Amino acid sequence: MKSLGSGIRSGNDIGKGQIRLEAEGERSRRERNLWAAALALAALAGIMVATAIDPHLDISLAAIFYEGADRGFGMRSQANLRILRELGYYLPFLVLLIAGLVLLHRMRNSRAEAALSARRFLFLALSLALGPGLLVNGVLKEMSHRPRPSQIVEYGGISEFRPWYAVDGTCDHNCSFASGEVAGATWLVAPASLLPPPWRAVALASAGLLTLAVALLRMAFGGHFASDAAAAAWVTLGMIFAFGWLLLRRRAGPYGFDASRPRA
């Protein structure tokens, strides 16, 4: 019996040690992801500050993609790149639809998952609707009046260049600041953050790379300046943080909220 009791205690100790190691691993992953998120926000803020101090930096960066008076921003004439742009535009809505169906299925099959799944979907829907939807496309794009790169005098247009913080441009509707497509691509960080390890890290990296690709593509088309893309990403990440904090509490996720259980 003594040997049996010792074996049970030994097994319990091993189990507790394993749980402790897993918890430490999760904390380590969370810290790494928090640092990565902080660096991303700092880099985006740095672009905004740099282009505010020297607004013509936006013009210089746009010049990389300008091919002269004859071709303008020639990459926008390539059909395969236009298809890629359309994919980037519709992908967030497709992901939200798929996530909604998955979460609905889990709600119907497990009452214990119902409240958590509802919070997860609300997190996704609100961060998309109020970030890329309202703040970027509904507020910033409509009030900035900033002409797009292809519309300014420096690149064959007729409008005067305006810095991102000015609201006295000649654009009347659907203006350059900020980028709706970049905001949508950035939002993919939200569903990626709900995935379990190790898929979470892969999904977050993929979302980041896609956001960068969409930003460069919009600049190559003459549709946006670098500051337009940076502002859109910064605002969207802010909404993800805000609604994650309000709706989810995460012990081991990338931003310090836990999608694994509902809040008490």
Protein backbone atom coordinates (compact mmCIF):
# COMPACT_ATOMS: atom_id res chain seq x y z
CA MET A 1 0.00 0.00 0.00
CA LYS A 2 2.87 2.33 0.84
CA SER A 3 4.39 1.65 -2.56
CA LEU A 4 1.02 2.26 -4.20
CA GLY A 5 0.60 5.56 -2.35
CA SER A 6 4.09 6.65 -3.36
CA GLY A 7 3.31 5.81 -6.97
CA ILE A 8 0.12 7.87 -6.89
CA ARG A 9 1.94 10.84 -5.36
CA SER A 10 4.70 10.49 -7.94
CA GLY A 11 2.14 10.43 -10.73
CA ASN A 12 0.42 13.50 -9.32
CA ASP A 13 3.76 15.32 -9.07
CA ILE A 14 4.54 14.48 -12.68
CA GLY A 15 1.11 15.69 -13.76
CA LYS A 16 1.49 18.94 -11.83
CA GLY A 17 4.95 19.43 -13.29
CA GLN A 18 3.60 18.94 -16.80
CA ILE A 19 0.81 21.44 -16.19
CA ARG A 20 3.36 23.90 -14.79
CA LEU A 21 5.57 23.52 -17.86
CA GLU A 22 2.61 24.01 -20.19
CA ALA A 23 1.55 27.13 -18.29
CA GLU A 24 5.08 28.53 -18.45
CA GLY A 25 5.19 27.82 -22.18
CA GLU A 26 1.88 29.63 -22.68
CA ARG A 27 3.10 32.62 -20.67
CA SER A 28 6.27 32.71 -22.75
CA ARG A 29 4.26 32.65 -25.99
CA ARG A 30 2.00 35.41 -24.70
CA GLU A 31 4.96 37.59 -23.78
CA ARG A 32 6.54 37.10 -27.21
CA ASN A 33 3.29 37.96 -28.95
CA LEU A 34 2.75 41.01 -26.76
CA TRP A 35 6.22 42.25 -27.65
CA ALA A 36 5.54 41.62 -31.34
CA ALA A 37 2.24 43.51 -31.14
CA ALA A 38 3.89 46.40 -29.28
CA LEU A 39 6.65 46.60 -31.89
CA ALA A 40 4.09 46.58 -34.71
CA LEU A 41 2.11 49.42 -33.12
CA ALA A 42 5.31 51.36 -32.47
CA ALA A 43 6.45 50.90 -36.07
CA LEU A 44 3.09 52.09 -37.40
CA ALA A 45 3.14 55.08 -35.07
CA GLY A 46 6.69 55.78 -36.22
CA ILE A 47 5.55 55.97 -39.84
CA MET A 48 2.78 58.37 -38.86
CA VAL A 49 5.16 60.60 -36.90
CA ALA A 50 7.81 60.56 -39.65
CA THR A 51 5.32 61.52 -42.36
CA ALA A 52 3.89 64.24 -40.12
CA ILE A 53 7.33 65.77 -39.53
CA ASP A 54 8.26 65.45 -43.21
CA PRO A 55 5.05 65.09 -45.28
CA HIS A 56 7.01 64.81 -48.52
CA LEU A 57 8.30 61.45 -47.32
CA ASP A 58 4.94 60.09 -48.51
CA ILE A 59 5.62 61.48 -51.99
CA SER A 60 9.11 59.96 -52.04
CA LEU A 61 7.80 56.52 -51.09
CA ALA A 62 5.06 56.73 -53.73
CA ALA A 63 7.74 57.56 -56.33
CA ILE A 64 9.10 54.02 -55.98
CA PHE A 65 6.06 52.73 -57.87
CA TYR A 66 5.62 55.61 -60.35
CA GLU A 67 6.79 54.66 -63.85
CA GLY A 68 6.68 58.05 -65.55
CA ALA A 69 4.08 60.18 -67.30
CA ASP A 70 3.37 57.58 -69.97
CA ARG A 71 2.65 54.64 -67.67
CA GLY A 72 1.85 56.29 -64.36
CA PHE A 73 1.41 53.65 -61.68
CA GLY A 74 1.70 50.87 -64.23
CA MET A 75 1.21 47.92 -61.91
CA ARG A 76 -2.50 48.68 -61.53
CA SER A 77 -3.01 47.64 -65.16
CA GLN A 78 -1.95 44.06 -64.42
CA ALA A 79 -5.01 41.82 -64.21
CA ASN A 80 -3.51 39.31 -61.78
CA LEU A 81 -2.71 42.07 -59.30
CA ARG A 82 -6.23 43.47 -59.59
CA ILE A 83 -7.57 40.01 -58.75
CA LEU A 84 -5.27 39.90 -55.72
CA ARG A 85 -6.64 43.26 -54.62
CA GLU A 86 -10.22 41.98 -54.89
CA LEU A 87 -9.28 38.90 -52.89
CA GLY A 88 -7.82 41.09 -50.16
CA TYR A 89 -11.00 43.16 -50.11
CA TYR A 90 -13.46 40.28 -49.74
CA LEU A 91 -11.35 37.91 -47.63
CA PRO A 92 -12.25 39.47 -44.24
CA PHE A 93 -15.97 39.04 -44.93
CA LEU A 94 -15.43 35.44 -46.03
CA VAL A 95 -13.41 34.72 -42.88
CA LEU A 96 -16.10 36.32 -40.70
CA LEU A 97 -18.77 34.18 -42.39
CA ILE A 98 -16.78 30.97 -41.89
CA ALA A 99 -15.99 31.87 -38.28
CA GLY A 100 -19.66 32.60 -37.67
CA LEU A 101 -20.73 29.22 -39.05
CA VAL A 102 -18.10 27.38 -37.00
CA LEU A 103 -19.03 29.20 -33.80
CA LEU A 104 -22.75 28.66 -34.46
CA HIS A 105 -22.12 24.93 -34.85
CA ARG A 106 -20.25 24.85 -31.55
CA MET A 107 -23.03 26.78 -29.83
CA ARG A 108 -25.64 24.28 -31.01
CA ASN A 109 -23.60 21.26 -29.94
CA SER A 110 -22.40 22.42 -26.56
CA ARG A 111 -24.23 24.67 -24.12
CA ALA A 112 -20.98 25.17 -22.26
CA GLU A 113 -19.50 26.70 -25.42
CA ALA A 114 -22.51 28.88 -26.23
CA ALA A 115 -21.60 31.96 -24.18
CA LEU A 116 -17.95 31.83 -25.17
CA SER A 117 -18.74 31.33 -28.86
CA ALA A 118 -21.14 34.27 -28.77
CA ARG A 119 -18.43 36.47 -27.25
CA ARG A 120 -15.91 35.34 -29.83
CA PHE A 121 -18.24 36.15 -32.71
CA LEU A 122 -19.14 39.50 -31.16
CA PHE A 123 -15.42 40.24 -30.83
CA LEU A 124 -14.89 39.49 -34.52
CA ALA A 125 -17.98 41.29 -35.78
CA LEU A 126 -17.55 44.46 -33.71
CA SER A 127 -13.83 44.83 -34.40
CA LEU A 128 -14.52 44.52 -38.15
CA ALA A 129 -17.59 46.75 -38.18
CA LEU A 130 -16.18 49.55 -36.04
CA GLY A 131 -12.53 49.37 -37.13
CA PRO A 132 -12.33 48.98 -40.91
CA GLY A 133 -16.04 49.66 -41.32
CA LEU A 134 -16.90 52.76 -39.32
CA LEU A 135 -13.64 54.46 -38.30
CA VAL A 136 -11.60 53.88 -41.45
CA ASN A 137 -14.17 53.83 -44.27
CA GLY A 138 -16.96 55.76 -42.60
CA VAL A 139 -15.06 58.50 -40.76
CA LEU A 140 -11.44 58.96 -41.87
CA LYS A 141 -11.97 58.46 -45.60
CA GLU A 142 -14.93 60.82 -45.68
CA MET A 143 -13.52 63.66 -43.60
CA SER A 144 -9.88 63.76 -44.73
CA HIS A 145 -10.38 65.00 -48.35
CA ARG A 146 -6.85 63.79 -49.12
CA PRO A 147 -6.18 63.12 -52.84
CA ARG A 148 -4.70 59.78 -53.78
CA PRO A 149 -1.12 59.54 -55.13
CA SER A 150 -2.39 59.07 -58.70
CA GLN A 151 -4.42 62.29 -58.35
CA ILE A 152 -1.67 64.69 -57.27
CA VAL A 153 0.31 66.95 -59.60
CA GLU A 154 3.60 65.17 -58.92
CA TYR A 155 2.24 61.99 -60.51
CA GLY A 156 0.18 63.26 -63.41
CA GLY A 157 -2.94 64.40 -61.58
CA ILE A 158 -4.38 67.84 -60.98
CA SER A 159 -4.70 67.92 -57.19
CA GLU A 160 -2.30 69.37 -54.65
CA PHE A 161 -0.63 66.92 -52.29
CA ARG A 162 -1.88 67.11 -48.73
CA PRO A 163 -0.31 65.51 -45.61
CA TRP A 164 -2.30 62.86 -43.77
CA TYR A 165 -3.33 65.20 -40.94
CA ALA A 166 -4.79 67.89 -43.23
CA VAL A 167 -8.52 67.99 -43.97
CA ASP A 168 -8.49 70.66 -46.69
CA GLY A 169 -7.79 68.55 -49.78
CA THR A 170 -9.78 68.51 -53.01
CA CYS A 171 -11.09 64.93 -52.71
CA ASP A 172 -14.85 64.85 -52.14
CA HIS A 173 -15.56 61.17 -51.56
CA ASN A 174 -13.72 57.88 -50.91
CA CYS A 175 -10.43 59.67 -50.31
CA SER A 176 -6.90 58.43 -49.75
CA PHE A 177 -6.72 58.59 -45.94
CA ALA A 178 -6.99 55.89 -44.70
CA SER A 179 -6.79 52.59 -46.58
CA GLY A 180 -9.87 50.41 -46.32
CA GLU A 181 -8.16 47.39 -47.87
CA VAL A 182 -5.24 47.57 -45.43
CA ALA A 183 -7.68 47.89 -42.54
CA GLY A 184 -9.51 44.78 -43.71
CA ALA A 185 -6.30 42.80 -44.07
CA THR A 186 -5.13 43.92 -40.63
CA TRP A 187 -8.43 42.74 -39.12
CA LEU A 188 -7.44 39.15 -39.97
CA VAL A 189 -5.26 39.37 -36.86
CA ALA A 190 -8.51 39.07 -34.86
CA PRO A 191 -9.60 35.60 -36.04
CA ALA A 192 -5.96 34.49 -36.09
CA SER A 193 -5.66 35.37 -32.41
CA LEU A 194 -8.49 32.97 -31.53
CA LEU A 195 -6.74 29.90 -32.90
CA PRO A 196 -4.96 27.50 -30.53
CA PRO A 197 -1.18 27.06 -30.56
CA PRO A 198 0.70 26.29 -32.76
CA TRP A 199 -1.75 27.44 -35.44
CA ARG A 200 -2.08 30.83 -33.80
CA ALA A 201 1.51 31.86 -34.48
CA VAL A 202 1.31 30.73 -38.11
CA ALA A 203 -2.00 32.53 -38.63
CA LEU A 204 -0.77 35.75 -37.00
CA ALA A 205 2.37 35.75 -39.13
CA SER A 206 0.27 35.12 -42.25
CA ALA A 207 -2.08 37.97 -41.37
CA GLY A 208 0.89 40.29 -40.89
CA LEU A 209 2.46 39.33 -44.22
CA LEU A 210 -0.86 39.69 -46.03
CA THR A 211 -1.35 43.15 -44.52
CA LEU A 212 2.10 44.21 -45.71
CA ALA A 213 1.42 42.79 -49.19
CA VAL A 214 -1.91 44.61 -49.46
CA ALA A 215 -0.31 47.87 -48.30
CA LEU A 216 2.45 47.61 -50.91
CA LEU A 217 -0.08 46.67 -53.57
CA ARG A 218 -2.25 49.71 -52.85
CA MET A 219 0.83 51.94 -52.98
CA ALA A 220 1.89 50.30 -56.26
CA PHE A 221 -1.54 51.08 -57.72
CA GLY A 222 -1.21 54.74 -56.76
CA GLY A 223 -4.21 54.33 -54.50
CA HIS A 224 -2.64 55.12 -51.13
CA PHE A 225 0.34 56.70 -49.45
CA ALA A 226 2.38 54.85 -46.82
CA SER A 227 0.77 56.90 -44.05
CA ASP A 228 -2.70 55.86 -45.27
CA ALA A 229 -1.76 52.22 -44.80
CA ALA A 230 -0.08 52.78 -41.44
CA ALA A 231 -3.06 54.68 -40.03
CA ALA A 232 -5.52 52.01 -41.18
CA ALA A 233 -3.49 49.23 -39.58
CA TRP A 234 -3.01 51.20 -36.34
CA VAL A 235 -6.71 51.98 -35.97
CA THR A 236 -7.75 48.41 -36.71
CA LEU A 237 -5.28 46.91 -34.25
CA GLY A 238 -6.58 49.38 -31.68
CA MET A 239 -10.12 48.10 -32.20
CA ILE A 240 -8.95 44.50 -31.88
CA PHE A 241 -7.25 45.31 -28.58
CA ALA A 242 -10.25 47.25 -27.29
CA PHE A 243 -12.89 44.63 -28.04
CA GLY A 244 -10.59 41.81 -26.98
CA TRP A 245 -10.21 43.49 -23.60
CA LEU A 246 -13.95 44.14 -23.30
CA LEU A 247 -15.24 40.77 -24.44
CA LEU A 248 -12.51 38.19 -23.87
CA ARG A 249 -10.02 37.38 -21.18
CA ARG A 250 -7.11 35.33 -22.33
CA ARG A 251 -4.62 33.50 -20.14
CA ALA A 252 -2.35 32.51 -22.98
CA GLY A 253 -3.22 34.52 -26.04
CA PRO A 254 -1.27 37.04 -28.03
CA TYR A 255 -2.79 40.13 -26.49
CA GLY A 256 -3.44 39.17 -22.90
CA PHE A 257 -7.10 38.24 -23.27
CA ASP A 258 -8.39 34.70 -22.92
CA ALA A 259 -10.60 33.28 -25.65
CA SER A 260 -10.67 29.91 -23.93
CA ARG A 261 -13.37 30.80 -21.44
CA PRO A 262 -16.08 33.41 -20.89
CA ARG A 263 -15.58 36.16 -18.39
CA ALA A 264 -17.22 35.71 -15.01
